[in-house]
Amino acid sequence: MGFWTFLEGFLLFANALAILNEERFLAPRGWTLRDMTEPRRNSLKGQIIGLIYACQFLRLPLILFNIIFIIVKLVSG
C-alpha cells in the first residue's frame, strides 16, 4: 500500500463521515453534540462525534480535494 492509496482511503473515509445525516442517522443513536455534556466530550465517543462534525463543517475543502484526486486519477490513469 502506497502513500497515495493511504491518502485516497483517508479521503473516502472523510467523505463517508461528511454525508452522515444528523436527524436520520446520528440523533436516534445519541451521537449529536447536544447529547454530549462537558465531562464526556473527552471520551472516545466524544472524540468521534467531534470528528464527524469537523468533516461536515469542512465540506468545501473536501469537495476541492475530491476534484484534485479525480483530476490526478484521470491524468495518471
Protein backbone atom coordinates (compact mmCIF):
# COMPACT_ATOMS: atom_id res chain seq x y z
CA MET A 1 0.00 0.00 0.00
CA GLY A 2 1.49 3.25 -1.10
CA PHE A 3 1.13 6.72 0.30
CA TRP A 4 -1.26 7.73 -2.49
CA THR A 5 -3.55 4.79 -1.67
CA PHE A 6 -3.47 5.78 2.00
CA LEU A 7 -4.49 9.36 1.13
CA GLU A 8 -7.24 8.09 -1.12
CA GLY A 9 -8.61 5.87 1.65
CA PHE A 10 -8.49 8.76 4.11
CA LEU A 11 -10.41 10.95 1.65
CA LEU A 12 -13.06 8.27 1.16
CA PHE A 13 -13.42 7.91 4.94
CA ALA A 14 -13.79 11.69 5.34
CA ASN A 15 -16.44 11.68 2.60
CA ALA A 16 -18.34 8.95 4.43
CA LEU A 17 -18.33 10.96 7.66
CA ALA A 18 -19.34 14.17 5.89
CA ILE A 19 -22.54 12.75 4.41
CA LEU A 20 -23.99 11.38 7.65
CA ASN A 21 -27.38 12.98 8.29
CA GLU A 22 -27.87 14.28 11.81
CA GLU A 23 -31.65 13.85 12.06
CA ARG A 24 -31.92 10.48 10.32
CA PHE A 25 -28.76 8.72 11.49
CA LEU A 26 -26.93 10.44 14.33
CA ALA A 27 -29.76 11.71 16.58
CA PRO A 28 -31.60 8.36 17.04
CA ARG A 29 -28.34 6.82 18.23
CA GLY A 30 -27.41 9.67 20.58
CA TRP A 31 -24.42 10.81 18.54
CA THR A 32 -25.08 14.57 18.46
CA LEU A 33 -23.20 17.40 20.14
CA ARG A 34 -26.33 18.25 22.15
CA ASP A 35 -26.21 14.81 23.81
CA MET A 36 -22.63 15.26 24.97
CA THR A 37 -22.02 17.08 28.23
CA GLU A 38 -18.70 18.68 29.07
CA PRO A 39 -17.03 15.80 31.01
CA ARG A 40 -17.97 13.24 28.35
CA ARG A 41 -16.54 15.23 25.44
CA ASN A 42 -13.07 13.87 26.12
CA SER A 43 -14.22 10.27 25.85
CA LEU A 44 -13.72 8.18 22.72
CA LYS A 45 -17.38 8.71 21.72
CA GLY A 46 -16.98 12.47 22.19
CA GLN A 47 -13.85 12.49 20.04
CA ILE A 48 -15.60 10.54 17.26
CA ILE A 49 -18.58 12.91 17.36
CA GLY A 50 -16.18 15.83 17.08
CA LEU A 51 -14.50 14.21 14.07
CA ILE A 52 -17.88 13.67 12.38
CA TYR A 53 -18.88 17.30 12.88
CA ALA A 54 -15.46 18.54 11.73
CA CYS A 55 -15.82 16.58 8.48
CA GLN A 56 -19.31 18.00 7.99
CA PHE A 57 -18.06 21.53 8.68
CA LEU A 58 -15.21 21.24 6.17
CA ARG A 59 -17.29 20.09 3.20
CA LEU A 60 -15.99 22.76 0.80
CA PRO A 61 -12.31 21.79 1.21
CA LEU A 62 -13.41 18.16 0.95
CA ILE A 63 -15.05 18.88 -2.39
CA LEU A 64 -11.85 20.55 -3.62
CA PHE A 65 -9.74 17.55 -2.53
CA ASN A 66 -12.15 15.24 -4.35
CA ILE A 67 -11.78 17.29 -7.54
CA ILE A 68 -7.99 17.21 -7.25
CA PHE A 69 -7.98 13.43 -6.71
CA ILE A 70 -10.31 12.89 -9.68
CA ILE A 71 -8.12 15.02 -11.97
CA VAL A 72 -4.94 13.26 -10.87
CA LYS A 73 -6.58 9.85 -11.39
CA LEU A 74 -7.74 10.86 -14.87
CA VAL A 75 -4.29 12.13 -15.85
CA SER A 76 -2.24 9.33 -14.34
CA GLY A 77 -4.55 6.51 -15.34
